[in-house]
Amino acid sequence: MTGSPRESTESTDPLPGDDPFDVLGIKPSFDVDLDALKRRVRRQVAALHPDRFTDPLEVDRATRETARLNEAWKSIGNDEHRANLLLVRLGGPAADQDRSLPEDFLQQMLSVRFELEQAVESRDAEEIARLTAWSDSKQAELRERVRTALSELEQGTADPASIRLDLNVWRYIQRMRDELASASGAKRSGG
């Protein structure tokens, strides 16, 4: 297992038929103790190390199980992916089923991306920092709104379509965060 999962636009879809919550043996929830889970997954992966087995069939089984654990960790350890998994599990639309965005959002993002391009071209560290703070704030706001709405959806009091809308916006904000990280030369966690 590698370090903390990096928030990105990379797919972290689980292997077919493998629900990441089930693979990791945890209750489906947005609120997951990621540090404790990471330690548990590391112990499981260590116990499955191929050097612990002599039988080629056991080595193969351990290798496949390690891959399942790592894929599940990538999905659950990433807030956005975990939220997407929960939404679908609770009967909401998957990202590929509903790509809707709030009215005027794309226009706002075009404007912000133009500001980002200008800041990168001119190497304006102050403007890049301002845009980074804006994206951090926006993502934190979305994270909390989605966390609350998923909890309400479990109780039957939230609209899955509005959660999907927020998750679609979250994906755009994360792409911008990735670009800002590249522009500032630093890795950023999506947490």
Protein backbone atom coordinates (compact mmCIF):
# COMPACT_ATOMS: atom_id res chain seq x y z
CA MET A 1 0.00 0.00 0.00
CA THR A 2 1.24 3.44 -0.80
CA GLY A 3 0.77 6.64 1.21
CA SER A 4 -2.41 8.64 1.41
CA PRO A 5 -4.55 8.56 -1.71
CA ARG A 6 -4.11 11.64 -3.81
CA GLU A 7 -7.25 13.48 -4.78
CA SER A 8 -7.31 13.68 -8.52
CA THR A 9 -9.35 13.07 -11.59
CA GLU A 10 -7.87 9.58 -11.90
CA SER A 11 -10.39 6.77 -11.75
CA THR A 12 -10.39 4.79 -8.54
CA ASP A 13 -13.22 2.49 -9.51
CA PRO A 14 -13.07 -0.73 -7.56
CA LEU A 15 -12.48 -4.01 -9.29
CA PRO A 16 -15.71 -5.43 -10.73
CA GLY A 17 -17.94 -6.85 -7.99
CA ASP A 18 -15.82 -5.42 -5.17
CA ASP A 19 -17.54 -2.86 -2.97
CA PRO A 20 -14.68 -0.96 -1.29
CA PHE A 21 -16.56 -0.69 2.01
CA ASP A 22 -17.09 -4.46 2.03
CA VAL A 23 -13.52 -5.23 0.97
CA LEU A 24 -12.21 -3.13 3.86
CA GLY A 25 -14.83 -4.45 6.27
CA ILE A 26 -16.12 -1.02 7.28
CA LYS A 27 -19.57 0.47 7.66
CA PRO A 28 -20.52 2.56 4.63
CA SER A 29 -20.15 6.13 5.84
CA PHE A 30 -18.59 9.38 4.72
CA ASP A 31 -17.09 9.84 8.18
CA VAL A 32 -14.25 7.31 8.21
CA ASP A 33 -11.22 7.39 10.50
CA LEU A 34 -8.73 7.33 7.63
CA ASP A 35 -5.65 7.07 9.85
CA ALA A 36 -6.98 4.01 11.66
CA LEU A 37 -8.15 2.48 8.39
CA LYS A 38 -4.76 3.11 6.77
CA ARG A 39 -2.98 1.36 9.65
CA ARG A 40 -5.38 -1.60 9.40
CA VAL A 41 -4.95 -1.91 5.64
CA ARG A 42 -1.17 -1.74 6.00
CA ARG A 43 -1.27 -4.61 8.52
CA GLN A 44 -3.48 -6.65 6.20
CA VAL A 45 -1.22 -6.00 3.22
CA ALA A 46 1.85 -6.91 5.27
CA ALA A 47 0.21 -10.20 6.28
CA LEU A 48 -0.42 -10.91 2.58
CA HIS A 49 3.14 -10.25 1.44
CA PRO A 50 4.10 -12.92 -1.14
CA ASP A 51 7.28 -13.81 0.78
CA ARG A 52 5.06 -15.24 3.52
CA PHE A 53 3.84 -18.02 1.20
CA THR A 54 5.57 -20.88 -0.58
CA ASP A 55 2.61 -22.32 -2.48
CA PRO A 56 2.26 -20.53 -5.86
CA LEU A 57 -1.55 -20.63 -5.54
CA GLU A 58 -1.33 -18.88 -2.16
CA VAL A 59 1.10 -16.31 -3.58
CA ASP A 60 -1.38 -15.64 -6.39
CA ARG A 61 -4.31 -15.36 -3.94
CA ALA A 62 -2.33 -13.01 -1.68
CA THR A 63 -1.36 -10.85 -4.67
CA ARG A 64 -4.97 -10.57 -5.83
CA GLU A 65 -6.20 -9.79 -2.30
CA THR A 66 -3.52 -7.12 -1.90
CA ALA A 67 -4.68 -5.52 -5.16
CA ARG A 68 -8.29 -5.57 -3.91
CA LEU A 69 -7.27 -3.93 -0.63
CA ASN A 70 -5.20 -1.25 -2.37
CA GLU A 71 -8.00 -0.42 -4.83
CA ALA A 72 -10.52 -0.24 -2.00
CA TRP A 73 -8.18 2.02 -0.01
CA LYS A 74 -7.75 4.36 -2.98
CA SER A 75 -11.53 4.68 -3.26
CA ILE A 76 -12.36 5.04 0.43
CA GLY A 77 -9.31 7.16 1.28
CA ASN A 78 -10.34 9.81 -1.24
CA ASP A 79 -13.19 11.98 0.08
CA GLU A 80 -14.72 12.69 -3.31
CA HIS A 81 -14.61 9.05 -4.41
CA ARG A 82 -15.99 7.89 -1.07
CA ALA A 83 -18.87 10.35 -1.41
CA ASN A 84 -19.58 9.14 -4.96
CA LEU A 85 -19.60 5.51 -3.79
CA LEU A 86 -22.00 6.33 -0.97
CA LEU A 87 -24.34 8.30 -3.19
CA VAL A 88 -24.66 5.40 -5.62
CA ARG A 89 -24.97 2.91 -2.77
CA LEU A 90 -27.83 5.02 -1.36
CA GLY A 91 -29.63 4.96 -4.72
CA GLY A 92 -28.40 8.24 -6.18
CA PRO A 93 -27.09 8.77 -9.71
CA ALA A 94 -23.51 7.91 -10.62
CA ALA A 95 -21.26 10.57 -12.12
CA ASP A 96 -21.61 9.09 -15.61
CA GLN A 97 -25.41 9.14 -15.31
CA ASP A 98 -25.77 12.80 -14.34
CA ARG A 99 -23.24 15.43 -15.35
CA SER A 100 -25.41 18.42 -14.47
CA LEU A 101 -23.91 21.59 -13.03
CA PRO A 102 -25.44 24.69 -11.45
CA GLU A 103 -26.55 27.43 -13.78
CA ASP A 104 -23.69 29.86 -14.56
CA PHE A 105 -21.11 27.54 -12.93
CA LEU A 106 -19.21 26.88 -16.16
CA GLN A 107 -19.07 30.61 -16.87
CA GLN A 108 -17.67 31.21 -13.37
CA MET A 109 -15.08 28.45 -13.85
CA LEU A 110 -14.02 29.87 -17.22
CA SER A 111 -13.42 33.20 -15.53
CA VAL A 112 -11.46 31.63 -12.67
CA ARG A 113 -9.42 29.49 -15.08
CA PHE A 114 -8.59 32.61 -17.11
CA GLU A 115 -7.32 34.22 -13.90
CA LEU A 116 -5.29 31.08 -13.21
CA GLU A 117 -3.75 31.08 -16.70
CA GLN A 118 -2.78 34.73 -16.33
CA ALA A 119 -1.28 34.12 -12.89
CA VAL A 120 0.73 31.15 -14.15
CA GLU A 121 1.97 33.01 -17.25
CA SER A 122 3.04 36.02 -15.21
CA ARG A 123 4.33 33.82 -12.36
CA ASP A 124 2.18 35.84 -9.97
CA ALA A 125 2.64 33.89 -6.73
CA GLU A 126 0.25 36.16 -4.84
CA GLU A 127 -2.56 35.53 -7.34
CA ILE A 128 -1.86 31.78 -7.37
CA ALA A 129 -2.05 31.84 -3.56
CA ARG A 130 -5.37 33.72 -3.71
CA LEU A 131 -6.81 31.21 -6.18
CA THR A 132 -5.49 28.35 -4.05
CA ALA A 133 -7.20 29.78 -0.98
CA TRP A 134 -10.42 30.21 -2.99
CA SER A 135 -10.33 26.60 -4.22
CA ASP A 136 -9.48 25.30 -0.73
CA SER A 137 -12.42 27.20 0.72
CA LYS A 138 -14.77 26.05 -2.03
CA GLN A 139 -13.72 22.42 -1.60
CA ALA A 140 -14.11 22.56 2.19
CA GLU A 141 -17.60 24.05 1.75
CA LEU A 142 -18.55 21.32 -0.75
CA ARG A 143 -17.09 18.58 1.43
CA GLU A 144 -19.15 19.64 4.43
CA ARG A 145 -22.32 20.14 2.38
CA VAL A 146 -21.95 16.69 0.78
CA ARG A 147 -21.11 15.06 4.13
CA THR A 148 -24.24 16.52 5.71
CA ALA A 149 -26.45 15.71 2.70
CA LEU A 150 -25.26 12.09 2.57
CA SER A 151 -26.16 11.71 6.23
CA GLU A 152 -29.58 13.20 5.51
CA LEU A 153 -29.99 10.92 2.48
CA GLU A 154 -29.49 7.90 4.75
CA GLN A 155 -32.49 9.20 6.73
CA GLY A 156 -34.47 9.79 3.53
CA THR A 157 -34.50 13.58 3.91
CA ALA A 158 -32.11 14.69 1.15
CA ASP A 159 -32.35 14.88 -2.61
CA PRO A 160 -29.81 12.63 -4.37
CA ALA A 161 -29.81 14.91 -7.43
CA SER A 162 -28.61 17.89 -5.37
CA ILE A 163 -25.81 15.77 -3.91
CA ARG A 164 -24.80 14.72 -7.44
CA LEU A 165 -24.77 18.38 -8.45
CA ASP A 166 -22.39 19.21 -5.59
CA LEU A 167 -20.17 16.23 -6.42
CA ASN A 168 -19.98 17.34 -10.05
CA VAL A 169 -18.89 20.81 -8.90
CA TRP A 170 -16.39 19.19 -6.50
CA ARG A 171 -14.82 17.36 -9.45
CA TYR A 172 -14.29 20.68 -11.30
CA ILE A 173 -12.83 22.34 -8.22
CA GLN A 174 -10.48 19.38 -7.72
CA ARG A 175 -9.21 19.68 -11.28
CA MET A 176 -8.43 23.30 -10.60
CA ARG A 177 -6.65 22.33 -7.36
CA ASP A 178 -4.53 19.87 -9.35
CA GLU A 179 -3.60 22.63 -11.78
CA LEU A 180 -2.79 25.00 -8.93
CA ALA A 181 -0.58 22.34 -7.38
CA SER A 182 1.28 22.00 -10.67
CA ALA A 183 1.59 25.76 -10.98
CA SER A 184 2.97 26.13 -7.47
CA GLY A 185 5.12 23.02 -7.80
CA ALA A 186 3.61 21.42 -4.69
CA LYS A 187 1.54 18.32 -4.17
CA ARG A 188 -1.85 18.97 -2.65
CA SER A 189 -4.00 16.53 -0.83
CA GLY A 190 -7.63 16.45 -1.86
CA GLY A 191 -8.86 15.35 1.53
